[in-house]
Amino acid sequence: QVQVVESGGGLVQPGGSLRLSCAASGSIFNTYNMGWYRQAPGKQRELVAGITSGGRTNYADSVKGRFTISRDNAKNTVYLQMNSLKPEDTAVYYCNAAYSRHEWWGQGTQVTVSS
């Protein structure tokens, strides 16, 4: 069983920045594909950004140019740097780890963008 733990959420003003972190257990973290998802109240969970084991990244159109996903395999950690935050970025952000036919989710971290 892979443990996935997010951190770094909080309250930030519009235009501000936050960095989310996601630590995943396991000795083969470098082989996991990792992703950040979010779910706002009354909406479906959506993919925000993903990074493959090889370092290829993809982003939702709504966050392109503002968010950056990265990974540090030595620390078993993936990051989501969020800049120029908007109120519509408010959501619970979840980290996902995927390997072969398996996937694991974290418990989520709340991000609130409000003045």
Protein backbone atom coordinates (compact mmCIF):
# COMPACT_ATOMS: atom_id res chain seq x y z
CA GLN A 1 0.00 0.00 0.00
CA VAL A 2 1.35 3.38 -1.01
CA GLN A 3 0.77 6.27 1.39
CA VAL A 4 0.17 9.65 -0.22
CA VAL A 5 0.22 12.79 1.91
CA GLU A 6 -0.40 16.34 0.70
CA SER A 7 0.59 19.55 2.47
CA GLY A 8 0.89 23.25 1.80
CA GLY A 9 -2.69 24.36 1.36
CA GLY A 10 -4.14 27.44 2.96
CA LEU A 11 -5.75 30.82 2.48
CA VAL A 12 -4.18 33.21 -0.02
CA GLN A 13 -5.26 36.47 -1.62
CA PRO A 14 -5.96 36.69 -5.35
CA GLY A 15 -2.71 37.08 -7.24
CA GLY A 16 -0.77 35.27 -4.55
CA SER A 17 1.20 32.03 -4.62
CA LEU A 18 1.25 28.69 -2.84
CA ARG A 19 3.34 25.58 -3.19
CA LEU A 20 1.74 22.23 -2.53
CA SER A 21 3.80 19.18 -1.68
CA CYS A 22 2.91 15.52 -1.98
CA ALA A 23 4.99 12.79 -0.41
CA ALA A 24 4.44 9.20 -1.51
CA SER A 25 5.87 6.13 0.12
CA GLY A 26 7.61 3.30 -1.66
CA SER A 27 11.03 2.47 -2.97
CA ILE A 28 9.97 2.81 -6.59
CA PHE A 29 8.59 6.35 -6.44
CA ASN A 30 10.60 7.19 -9.56
CA THR A 31 8.38 4.83 -11.55
CA TYR A 32 5.09 6.43 -10.45
CA ASN A 33 3.14 8.78 -12.63
CA MET A 34 1.96 11.59 -10.37
CA GLY A 35 -0.89 14.01 -10.66
CA TRP A 36 -2.60 16.87 -8.90
CA TYR A 37 -6.39 17.02 -9.05
CA ARG A 38 -8.87 19.42 -7.50
CA GLN A 39 -12.50 19.39 -6.56
CA ALA A 40 -14.52 22.51 -5.90
CA PRO A 41 -17.88 22.38 -4.09
CA GLY A 42 -20.58 21.04 -6.38
CA LYS A 43 -18.12 20.17 -9.13
CA GLN A 44 -16.43 17.03 -10.34
CA ARG A 45 -12.83 16.29 -9.56
CA GLU A 46 -10.59 17.47 -12.36
CA LEU A 47 -6.98 16.98 -13.36
CA VAL A 48 -4.88 20.07 -12.73
CA ALA A 49 -1.41 18.84 -13.67
CA GLY A 50 0.41 15.58 -14.20
CA ILE A 51 4.00 14.44 -14.44
CA THR A 52 5.11 11.07 -15.74
CA SER A 53 7.91 8.94 -14.38
CA GLY A 54 10.01 10.31 -17.23
CA GLY A 55 9.28 13.92 -16.34
CA ARG A 56 6.76 14.74 -19.05
CA THR A 57 4.17 17.24 -17.83
CA ASN A 58 0.65 18.21 -18.79
CA TYR A 59 -1.70 20.89 -17.50
CA ALA A 60 -5.33 21.83 -17.56
CA ASP A 61 -5.90 24.80 -19.85
CA SER A 62 -7.16 26.83 -16.91
CA VAL A 63 -3.80 26.70 -15.12
CA LYS A 64 -1.31 26.76 -17.99
CA GLY A 65 1.28 29.46 -17.46
CA ARG A 66 0.39 29.84 -13.79
CA PHE A 67 1.01 26.41 -12.23
CA THR A 68 4.12 24.25 -12.43
CA ILE A 69 4.37 20.61 -11.44
CA SER A 70 7.74 19.10 -10.59
CA ARG A 71 9.12 16.06 -8.80
CA ASP A 72 12.12 15.21 -6.64
CA ASN A 73 12.62 11.47 -6.79
CA ALA A 74 15.30 11.59 -4.09
CA LYS A 75 12.68 12.93 -1.69
CA ASN A 76 9.71 10.88 -2.99
CA THR A 77 7.91 14.18 -3.44
CA VAL A 78 5.98 15.99 -6.14
CA TYR A 79 5.25 19.71 -5.99
CA LEU A 80 2.68 22.04 -7.44
CA GLN A 81 3.80 25.66 -7.59
CA MET A 82 0.74 27.85 -8.00
CA ASN A 83 1.17 31.49 -8.99
CA SER A 84 -1.28 34.24 -9.90
CA LEU A 85 -3.99 32.45 -7.99
CA LYS A 86 -7.61 33.26 -8.73
CA PRO A 87 -10.77 32.77 -6.65
CA GLU A 88 -11.81 30.05 -9.09
CA ASP A 89 -8.75 28.04 -8.04
CA THR A 90 -10.42 27.50 -4.67
CA ALA A 91 -10.83 23.76 -4.14
CA VAL A 92 -9.58 20.74 -2.29
CA TYR A 93 -6.41 19.61 -4.04
CA TYR A 94 -5.63 15.91 -4.18
CA CYS A 95 -2.45 14.11 -5.10
CA ASN A 96 -2.57 10.89 -7.09
CA ALA A 97 0.11 8.27 -7.56
CA ALA A 98 -0.27 5.70 -10.32
CA TYR A 99 1.76 2.62 -11.16
CA SER A 100 0.75 -0.19 -13.47
CA ARG A 101 -2.96 -0.76 -12.82
CA HIS A 102 -2.86 0.70 -9.33
CA GLU A 103 -3.46 4.20 -8.06
CA TRP A 104 -3.47 5.82 -4.67
CA TRP A 105 -4.94 9.09 -3.41
CA GLY A 106 -4.07 11.45 -0.63
CA GLN A 107 -6.59 12.94 1.77
CA GLY A 108 -6.55 16.34 0.10
CA THR A 109 -5.51 19.82 1.13
CA GLN A 110 -7.75 22.89 1.02
CA VAL A 111 -6.74 25.88 -1.07
CA THR A 112 -8.84 29.01 -0.64
CA VAL A 113 -8.22 32.10 -2.74
CA SER A 114 -10.06 35.06 -1.29
CA SER A 115 -9.54 38.65 -0.29
